[in-house]
Amino acid sequence: MLLDTNILICMAQPGGEKLEAEFAALSPATSLIVRVEALGFQRITAEERGRFDQLFAWVEVLPVSDAVAEAAILLRQARRMKLGDALIAATALLYELPLVTRNEHDFKHITGLRLINPFAEPESA
């Protein structure tokens, strides 16, 4: 599974260890773009930086390859979307990984992209 920025941010906050433990056995990965988004916050504290560094050492950080860039270009040509979201979605698609995110709305239009929202209410039968 590929973790979106908002999931890593939740894991970095107090109490986030529970969410981290939930995914620990599933060999999670993330995109290099997520690392840039999370660590690029202007007012990040040293403590927050340290927690993010731990998380990025724990997950596999997948690169933004030419193939990812080309897939992101196609996604952006098909529908207006933020560059970061397109690169993250393209990474998930190319590596055939479900995307774990709270922002389902930003990605639900992408054909073939599997979404997991660990905060969503369970569907009733």
Protein backbone atom coordinates (compact mmCIF):
# COMPACT_ATOMS: atom_id res chain seq x y z
CA MET A 1 0.00 0.00 0.00
CA LEU A 2 1.06 3.56 -0.67
CA LEU A 3 0.58 6.08 2.14
CA ASP A 4 -0.58 9.59 1.23
CA THR A 5 0.77 12.69 2.95
CA ASN A 6 -2.24 13.08 5.24
CA ILE A 7 -1.77 9.55 6.59
CA LEU A 8 1.93 10.15 7.41
CA ILE A 9 0.94 13.42 9.11
CA CYS A 10 -1.59 11.52 11.25
CA MET A 11 1.07 8.95 12.13
CA ALA A 12 3.50 11.70 13.13
CA GLN A 13 1.04 13.26 15.59
CA PRO A 14 0.58 12.11 19.19
CA GLY A 15 -1.40 8.87 19.14
CA GLY A 16 -0.33 8.12 15.59
CA GLU A 17 1.49 5.00 16.72
CA LYS A 18 -1.85 3.16 16.65
CA LEU A 19 -2.28 3.90 12.94
CA GLU A 20 1.35 3.00 12.31
CA ALA A 21 0.86 -0.35 14.06
CA GLU A 22 -2.24 -1.01 11.93
CA PHE A 23 -0.14 -0.90 8.75
CA ALA A 24 3.18 -2.22 10.06
CA ALA A 25 2.73 -5.80 8.84
CA LEU A 26 1.66 -4.64 5.37
CA SER A 27 5.06 -3.30 4.23
CA PRO A 28 3.83 0.22 3.47
CA ALA A 29 5.48 2.50 0.95
CA THR A 30 5.11 6.16 0.08
CA SER A 31 6.14 8.51 -2.68
CA LEU A 32 9.11 10.83 -2.61
CA ILE A 33 6.51 13.57 -3.18
CA VAL A 34 4.94 12.73 0.19
CA ARG A 35 8.33 13.23 1.84
CA VAL A 36 8.66 16.65 0.19
CA GLU A 37 5.11 17.64 1.17
CA ALA A 38 5.47 16.51 4.79
CA LEU A 39 8.93 17.91 5.46
CA GLY A 40 8.41 21.06 3.38
CA PHE A 41 6.06 22.64 5.91
CA GLN A 42 7.59 26.02 6.82
CA ARG A 43 6.92 25.85 10.55
CA ILE A 44 7.93 22.24 11.17
CA THR A 45 9.47 21.79 14.60
CA ALA A 46 12.58 19.76 15.34
CA GLU A 47 10.41 17.24 17.20
CA GLU A 48 8.05 16.88 14.22
CA ARG A 49 11.02 16.56 11.86
CA GLY A 50 12.45 13.79 14.04
CA ARG A 51 9.16 11.89 14.01
CA PHE A 52 8.86 12.22 10.23
CA ASP A 53 12.45 11.03 9.82
CA GLN A 54 11.53 7.91 11.83
CA LEU A 55 8.50 7.29 9.64
CA PHE A 56 10.40 7.77 6.39
CA ALA A 57 13.03 5.31 7.62
CA TRP A 58 10.20 2.84 8.35
CA VAL A 59 8.44 2.99 4.95
CA GLU A 60 9.88 2.42 1.52
CA VAL A 61 10.09 5.76 -0.28
CA LEU A 62 9.44 5.21 -3.99
CA PRO A 63 11.13 7.55 -6.49
CA VAL A 64 9.56 9.83 -9.05
CA SER A 65 10.77 8.03 -12.15
CA ASP A 66 10.21 8.97 -15.78
CA ALA A 67 7.41 6.39 -15.87
CA VAL A 68 5.71 7.99 -12.85
CA ALA A 69 6.07 11.43 -14.45
CA GLU A 70 4.55 10.21 -17.72
CA ALA A 71 1.61 8.60 -15.89
CA ALA A 72 1.08 11.82 -13.89
CA ILE A 73 1.06 13.82 -17.14
CA LEU A 74 -1.71 11.59 -18.50
CA LEU A 75 -3.71 11.95 -15.28
CA ARG A 76 -3.44 15.75 -15.41
CA GLN A 77 -4.39 15.81 -19.09
CA ALA A 78 -7.49 13.74 -18.35
CA ARG A 79 -8.67 15.90 -15.45
CA ARG A 80 -7.47 18.95 -13.60
CA MET A 81 -5.63 17.93 -10.45
CA LYS A 82 -2.77 19.11 -8.28
CA LEU A 83 0.70 18.09 -9.38
CA GLY A 84 1.50 16.36 -6.07
CA ASP A 85 -1.74 14.36 -6.16
CA ALA A 86 -1.08 13.32 -9.76
CA LEU A 87 2.44 12.12 -8.93
CA ILE A 88 1.24 10.23 -5.84
CA ALA A 89 -1.63 8.60 -7.76
CA ALA A 90 0.66 7.72 -10.66
CA THR A 91 3.09 6.06 -8.23
CA ALA A 92 0.28 3.97 -6.74
CA LEU A 93 -0.95 2.96 -10.19
CA LEU A 94 2.47 2.02 -11.56
CA TYR A 95 3.42 -0.02 -8.51
CA GLU A 96 -0.10 -1.51 -8.38
CA LEU A 97 -0.58 -0.41 -4.78
CA PRO A 98 -3.76 0.80 -3.11
CA LEU A 99 -3.54 4.42 -1.98
CA VAL A 100 -4.21 4.98 1.71
CA THR A 101 -5.66 8.49 2.10
CA ARG A 102 -8.24 10.57 3.92
CA ASN A 103 -8.74 12.61 0.73
CA GLU A 104 -10.76 10.16 -1.30
CA HIS A 105 -12.40 13.05 -3.14
CA ASP A 106 -9.08 14.05 -4.75
CA PHE A 107 -8.53 10.59 -6.20
CA LYS A 108 -11.89 8.83 -6.66
CA HIS A 109 -12.13 9.80 -10.34
CA ILE A 110 -8.98 7.85 -11.27
CA THR A 111 -9.82 4.59 -13.01
CA GLY A 112 -7.98 1.58 -11.61
CA LEU A 113 -6.77 3.34 -8.45
CA ARG A 114 -7.77 1.46 -5.31
CA LEU A 115 -8.41 3.72 -2.30
CA ILE A 116 -8.32 2.88 1.39
CA ASN A 117 -9.54 5.41 3.93
CA PRO A 118 -8.76 4.11 7.42
CA PHE A 119 -10.96 6.87 8.89
CA ALA A 120 -14.07 6.13 6.82
CA GLU A 121 -17.15 4.83 8.53
CA PRO A 122 -17.66 1.13 7.81
CA GLU A 123 -20.37 0.49 5.23
CA SER A 124 -23.49 -1.09 6.65
CA ALA A 125 -24.88 -4.23 5.09
